Every structure is written in C-alpha cells, then in structure tokens.
Protein backbone atom coordinates (compact mmCIF):
# COMPACT_ATOMS: atom_id res chain seq x y z
CA MET A 1 -62.86 15.17 31.61
CA SER A 2 -66.64 14.34 32.95
CA ALA A 3 -67.93 13.54 36.35
CA THR A 4 -70.87 11.63 37.61
CA ALA A 5 -73.29 12.47 40.35
CA ASP A 6 -71.08 10.56 42.83
CA MET A 7 -68.19 12.46 41.93
CA GLN A 8 -66.54 9.83 40.09
CA ILE A 9 -64.27 11.31 37.54
CA PHE A 10 -63.37 9.77 34.10
CA LEU A 11 -60.16 10.99 32.28
CA THR A 12 -60.53 11.46 28.30
CA TYR A 13 -57.68 11.18 25.96
CA SER A 14 -57.52 15.08 25.74
CA ASP A 15 -56.66 14.95 29.78
CA ILE A 16 -53.81 12.60 29.45
CA ALA A 17 -52.56 14.71 26.64
CA LEU A 18 -52.92 17.53 28.81
CA ALA A 19 -51.05 15.80 31.81
CA SER A 20 -48.16 14.81 29.27
CA SER A 21 -47.77 18.53 28.12
CA LEU A 22 -46.68 18.95 31.78
CA ILE A 23 -43.38 17.12 30.94
CA ILE A 24 -42.18 19.97 28.47
CA ILE A 25 -41.79 22.17 31.80
CA VAL A 26 -39.31 19.29 33.21
CA ILE A 27 -37.33 19.13 29.80
CA ILE A 28 -37.08 23.02 29.89
CA LEU A 29 -35.58 22.96 33.26
CA SER A 30 -33.23 19.95 32.36
CA TRP A 31 -32.18 22.07 29.11
CA ARG A 32 -31.47 25.18 31.14
CA LEU A 33 -29.74 23.63 33.69
CA ARG A 34 -27.70 21.63 31.62
CA LEU A 35 -28.46 18.17 33.56
CA GLN A 36 -28.39 16.26 30.13
CA LEU A 37 -31.53 14.67 31.21
CA THR A 38 -33.52 15.70 28.13
CA GLN A 39 -33.29 12.45 25.90
CA THR A 40 -33.82 10.30 29.26
CA LEU A 41 -36.77 12.23 29.77
CA LEU A 42 -38.35 12.09 26.37
CA ILE A 43 -37.71 8.32 26.34
CA ALA A 44 -39.20 7.65 29.95
CA ALA A 45 -42.13 9.78 28.96
CA VAL A 46 -42.91 7.78 25.83
CA ARG A 47 -42.31 4.49 27.45
CA THR A 48 -44.58 5.52 30.27
CA ILE A 49 -47.29 6.09 27.86
CA VAL A 50 -46.73 3.04 25.47
CA GLN A 51 -46.29 0.42 28.31
CA LEU A 52 -49.39 1.42 30.67
CA SER A 53 -51.41 1.55 27.47
CA PHE A 54 -50.26 -1.62 26.54
CA ILE A 55 -50.74 -3.29 29.85
CA GLY A 56 -54.07 -1.71 30.11
CA LEU A 57 -55.08 -3.32 27.01
CA ILE A 58 -53.54 -6.82 28.31
CA LEU A 59 -55.12 -6.40 31.92
CA ALA A 60 -58.89 -5.33 30.34
CA TRP A 61 -58.82 -8.48 28.32
CA ILE A 62 -57.04 -10.83 31.24
CA PHE A 63 -59.79 -9.21 33.72
CA ALA A 64 -62.81 -10.18 31.24
CA ARG A 65 -61.66 -13.97 30.85
CA GLU A 66 -60.58 -14.84 34.42
CA GLN A 67 -58.58 -17.89 33.23
CA TRP A 68 -56.35 -18.92 35.61
CA TYR A 69 -53.31 -20.21 33.27
CA GLU A 70 -53.54 -16.63 31.72
CA VAL A 71 -53.33 -15.10 35.04
CA LEU A 72 -50.43 -17.42 35.98
CA VAL A 73 -48.47 -16.42 33.08
CA ILE A 74 -48.86 -12.80 33.81
CA LEU A 75 -47.66 -13.28 37.40
CA THR A 76 -44.67 -15.33 35.86
CA ILE A 77 -43.79 -12.55 33.64
CA MET A 78 -44.08 -9.86 35.92
CA THR A 79 -41.67 -11.91 38.62
CA LEU A 80 -39.17 -12.55 35.86
CA ILE A 81 -39.18 -8.98 34.85
CA ALA A 82 -38.81 -7.82 38.34
CA GLY A 83 -36.00 -9.96 38.91
CA SER A 84 -33.91 -9.04 35.82
CA ALA A 85 -34.32 -5.33 37.08
CA ALA A 86 -32.98 -5.99 40.24
CA LYS A 87 -30.04 -7.89 38.82
CA ASN A 88 -29.67 -4.80 36.37
CA ARG A 89 -29.48 -2.37 39.08
CA VAL A 90 -26.60 -3.96 40.75
CA LYS A 91 -23.16 -2.33 39.47
CA ARG A 92 -20.61 -5.02 40.09
CA HIS A 93 -22.12 -8.52 38.82
CA TYR A 94 -20.89 -12.06 39.37
CA LYS A 95 -21.98 -15.28 37.77
CA GLY A 96 -25.10 -16.43 39.34
CA LEU A 97 -26.40 -12.78 40.42
CA LEU A 98 -29.51 -13.27 38.15
CA ALA A 99 -30.66 -16.33 39.82
CA ASP A 100 -30.21 -14.96 43.26
CA THR A 101 -32.32 -11.99 42.54
CA LEU A 102 -34.80 -13.97 41.02
CA ILE A 103 -34.93 -16.44 44.07
CA ALA A 104 -35.11 -13.30 46.21
CA VAL A 105 -37.79 -11.66 44.16
CA SER A 106 -39.90 -14.46 43.77
CA ALA A 107 -39.60 -15.86 47.08
CA SER A 108 -40.57 -12.82 49.10
CA GLY A 109 -43.39 -11.89 46.44
CA ILE A 110 -45.16 -15.24 45.88
CA LEU A 111 -44.93 -15.94 49.55
CA VAL A 112 -46.54 -12.45 50.86
CA THR A 113 -49.04 -12.24 47.80
CA ALA A 114 -50.26 -15.59 49.01
CA ILE A 115 -50.93 -14.82 52.42
CA ALA A 116 -52.54 -11.59 51.20
CA ILE A 117 -54.75 -13.60 48.77
CA VAL A 118 -55.69 -16.10 50.65
CA MET A 119 -55.45 -15.30 54.29
CA ILE A 120 -56.18 -11.61 54.54
CA LEU A 121 -58.60 -10.67 51.40
CA GLN A 122 -59.66 -14.34 51.29
CA VAL A 123 -60.26 -13.80 47.49
CA GLN A 124 -62.13 -16.74 45.73
CA PRO A 125 -60.86 -18.02 43.55
CA TRP A 126 -57.30 -17.10 44.28
CA TYR A 127 -56.39 -16.39 40.77
CA THR A 128 -59.18 -13.34 40.48
CA PRO A 129 -56.99 -10.92 38.45
CA GLN A 130 -58.05 -7.74 39.93
CA PHE A 131 -56.62 -8.73 43.03
CA VAL A 132 -53.85 -10.81 42.80
CA ILE A 133 -51.99 -8.99 39.70
CA PRO A 134 -52.22 -5.28 41.29
CA ILE A 135 -50.96 -7.02 44.66
CA LEU A 136 -48.15 -8.81 43.29
CA GLY A 137 -47.30 -5.70 41.60
CA LEU A 138 -47.05 -3.56 44.51
CA ILE A 139 -45.06 -5.97 46.37
CA LEU A 140 -42.43 -6.60 43.42
CA GLY A 141 -42.07 -3.20 42.47
CA ASN A 142 -40.86 -2.35 46.23
CA SER A 143 -39.13 -5.31 47.01
CA LEU A 144 -36.93 -5.38 43.92
CA THR A 145 -35.68 -1.75 44.97
CA ALA A 146 -35.10 -3.14 48.40
CA ILE A 147 -33.12 -5.95 47.10
CA SER A 148 -31.24 -4.33 44.53
CA LEU A 149 -30.11 -1.81 47.23
CA THR A 150 -29.02 -4.58 49.65
CA SER A 151 -26.90 -6.44 46.81
CA ASN A 152 -25.46 -3.23 45.73
CA GLN A 153 -24.03 -2.31 49.13
CA LEU A 154 -23.06 -6.04 50.37
CA ILE A 155 -21.04 -6.97 47.15
CA ASN A 156 -19.55 -3.59 47.28
CA ALA A 157 -18.81 -4.30 51.30
CA PHE A 158 -17.08 -7.52 50.21
CA HIS A 159 -15.07 -6.12 47.74
CA GLU A 160 -13.86 -3.13 49.79
CA GLN A 161 -13.66 -4.69 53.01
CA GLN A 162 -11.96 -8.16 51.81
CA GLY A 163 -8.62 -7.21 53.96
CA ARG A 164 -10.68 -6.95 57.09
CA ILE A 165 -12.89 -9.86 56.49
CA GLU A 166 -9.89 -11.91 56.04
CA MET A 167 -8.13 -10.81 59.03
CA MET A 168 -10.96 -11.83 60.97
CA LEU A 169 -10.88 -15.19 59.16
CA SER A 170 -7.43 -15.72 60.19
CA LEU A 171 -8.28 -14.85 63.80
CA SER A 172 -10.53 -17.81 63.87
CA ALA A 173 -13.84 -16.10 63.34
CA ARG A 174 -16.66 -17.92 61.55
CA PRO A 175 -17.42 -16.64 58.12
CA PHE A 176 -20.98 -15.21 59.35
CA GLU A 177 -19.19 -13.35 61.98
CA ALA A 178 -16.71 -11.77 59.85
CA VAL A 179 -19.53 -10.58 57.35
CA HIS A 180 -22.33 -9.78 59.82
CA ASP A 181 -21.70 -6.10 59.90
CA PRO A 182 -21.63 -5.74 56.48
CA ILE A 183 -24.63 -7.90 55.95
CA ARG A 184 -26.55 -5.72 58.55
CA SER A 185 -25.74 -2.59 57.13
CA ALA A 186 -27.02 -3.75 53.67
CA ILE A 187 -29.96 -4.81 54.91
CA ILE A 188 -30.56 -1.82 56.75
CA ASN A 189 -29.98 0.18 53.61
CA GLY A 190 -32.28 -1.92 51.60
CA MET A 191 -34.75 -1.20 53.98
CA THR A 192 -34.53 2.53 54.37
CA PRO A 193 -36.88 3.45 51.63
CA THR A 194 -39.81 1.30 53.14
CA LEU A 195 -39.32 2.43 56.33
CA ASN A 196 -39.35 6.24 55.63
CA SER A 197 -42.42 5.47 53.72
CA MET A 198 -44.09 3.97 56.61
CA LEU A 199 -42.65 6.85 59.15
CA VAL A 200 -44.56 9.62 57.14
CA VAL A 201 -47.44 7.81 55.39
CA GLY A 202 -50.75 9.95 56.05
CA ILE A 203 -49.09 12.58 57.17
CA VAL A 204 -46.78 13.65 54.61
CA SER A 205 -47.86 11.78 51.90
CA LEU A 206 -50.96 10.19 50.51
CA PRO A 207 -49.92 6.63 48.91
CA GLY A 208 -50.65 5.83 45.24
CA MET A 209 -53.18 2.85 46.13
CA MET A 210 -55.02 4.97 48.52
CA THR A 211 -55.01 8.08 46.24
CA GLY A 212 -55.97 5.85 43.43
CA GLN A 213 -59.16 4.27 45.37
CA ILE A 214 -60.20 7.87 46.62
CA LEU A 215 -60.33 9.65 43.18
CA ALA A 216 -62.15 6.35 41.87
CA GLY A 217 -65.15 7.17 44.63
CA ALA A 218 -63.99 4.54 47.22
CA ASP A 219 -64.65 4.98 50.84
CA PRO A 220 -61.94 6.85 52.33
CA THR A 221 -62.13 4.39 55.22
CA GLN A 222 -62.06 1.29 53.15
CA ALA A 223 -59.14 3.05 51.18
CA VAL A 224 -57.19 3.40 54.30
CA ARG A 225 -57.43 -0.11 55.27
CA TYR A 226 -56.38 -1.42 52.10
CA GLN A 227 -53.53 0.93 52.36
CA ILE A 228 -52.45 -0.33 55.80
CA VAL A 229 -52.62 -3.83 54.85
CA THR A 230 -50.40 -3.17 51.85
CA MET A 231 -47.91 -1.16 53.35
CA PHE A 232 -47.55 -3.99 55.92
CA LEU A 233 -47.34 -6.44 53.20
CA ILE A 234 -44.46 -4.49 51.44
CA CYS A 235 -42.61 -4.18 54.59
CA VAL A 236 -42.82 -7.79 55.05
CA SER A 237 -41.73 -8.83 51.49
CA SER A 238 -38.97 -6.04 51.14
CA MET A 239 -37.34 -7.59 54.81
CA LEU A 240 -37.86 -10.93 53.34
CA GLY A 241 -36.22 -10.51 49.95
CA CYS A 242 -33.35 -8.59 51.75
CA THR A 243 -32.35 -11.28 54.02
CA ILE A 244 -32.73 -13.94 51.23
CA SER A 245 -30.73 -11.78 48.64
CA ALA A 246 -28.16 -11.02 51.74
CA LEU A 247 -27.84 -14.81 52.34
CA LEU A 248 -27.50 -15.94 48.82
CA ILE A 249 -24.50 -13.57 48.19
CA TYR A 250 -22.96 -14.54 51.30
CA ARG A 251 -23.18 -18.26 49.87
CA ARG A 252 -21.65 -16.97 46.84
CA PHE A 253 -18.59 -15.27 48.37
CA PHE A 254 -17.42 -18.16 50.43
CA ASN A 255 -16.20 -21.53 49.38
CA LYS A 256 -16.49 -25.05 51.15
CA ARG A 257 -13.09 -24.42 53.28
CA LYS A 258 -14.77 -21.17 54.55
CA GLN A 259 -12.54 -18.93 52.61
CA LEU A 260 -13.86 -15.52 51.09
CA ILE A 261 -13.76 -15.54 47.34
CA LEU A 262 -14.62 -12.65 44.98
CA PRO A 263 -16.49 -14.22 42.10
C-alpha cells in the first residue's frame, strides 16, 4: 500500500490478498458454530473477486472509449440482471413474474437515473460512463431489494388471505379495496431497509459512496452532498419500484370479472 502527499491511498494486489485472508475468520466461525455456510462463503468470496475484477476491466475499457452505444449496452445488461435477481428472490412464482419485475426495476431505475443525470448533475453528454453507470448501479441494487421484498409479501398475502379477500368481494367491495391492506403492508415492508438507512445515515453509518469518495481524497463536504443526492434517488426509485410492482401483481391476481385468481 502506498500514499501520495495528499493522502490518496493506492491499493496493491498484496493488500487485496490480505483483506481476502480475513474471510478465513468467517469460515472458521461458520465451521465452529455449524452454520453450514462454509461452502456458500467460499463461493461468495470467489465470485466477489472474479466478478468485480471482470467488471473493473470492462469499465476501464468503457470509460476510455466513451461510446454511447457501449454504455447503453452495459446499462441494459445491468437492468436485465437486476430484474432477474428481483424475480429470483421471490419464493412463489407465477407466469409473468419476470416481466413484472423487469418493468418495475427498469421503469423506476431508468426514470430516476435520467432525472439525476439530466436535471441534477447536468452531465454532458448524458452517457458519460463515470456518472451514469455507477448511479444506475446504486439505484438498481437498492430498488431490486425493495421490489423483491414487496413482491414476496404481497404474493404470500394473496395466497394466505384468499378467504378474507373473497369475503370482502362478496360484500360488494371493489378489488382494490379488498387488497388495499396487503398492498400497503407489502410496500411498507419493501421500503423498510431504505428508510432505516436514511434514519441512521451519518450517525450510525457512513454509506459506501461517501466512504469511497473520502478514501479517494475527495472533499468531505462534496462527498456528503453526493451521498444526500444518492440517498434521495434511492428512496424515490425504491418507492416507485415497490408501487409499480404491487400494482402489476394486483393486476395479475384479478381477472376481468373482478374475481381473485391465484396464477
């Protein structure tokens, strides 16, 4: 590890190896406590190194070229993977779940990223990779978690509360009235991690983006401003994603005759 005069620290491969060796502590704890996480930890550690090293090479190439169509391909791949990841975290699948998660992830992520790039940061050109790729990645990573939590709880609620919902429908309740409580609870559940982070940010935790900028030698006040912006972007995209996901699931579980169906 070496540092310049302005205290910017450059990590070497030996520093990475030393940090990687700390995983051994986690593996030993897992083995001693019989958590059965040893294999998962090893796979996760290897995938972390391989995936991040690979994406680092790709981003270095993309950053050097700054071609809009290459950036667009990366953004599309990121969105598709995020939608698929959100779908895979849902335990009860139904036909069309992948399409619904893709719509929720892409609609919320792309809209909020566009607002950030065009209106807030005013990046010129819009496809400047050092801005648009990290911002979309932050938004997608958080919104897919919120969407999967919302989807999981809402689908389970429709199955577990089928009798109550059908009783309300038989008493002349409109479909949305019959499922309003499950939808509300599911969206709250999806938003909980984001809201918890916002409540303690700067007091209990220093988020990754802010920490990374400070470690890279950025002005702390500018790092704070960037973090405030990203926290609000994440909050908005998560809320939009949860709402869109809930409405799409609601549409799947009712037919044209306003009857509850379990696809």
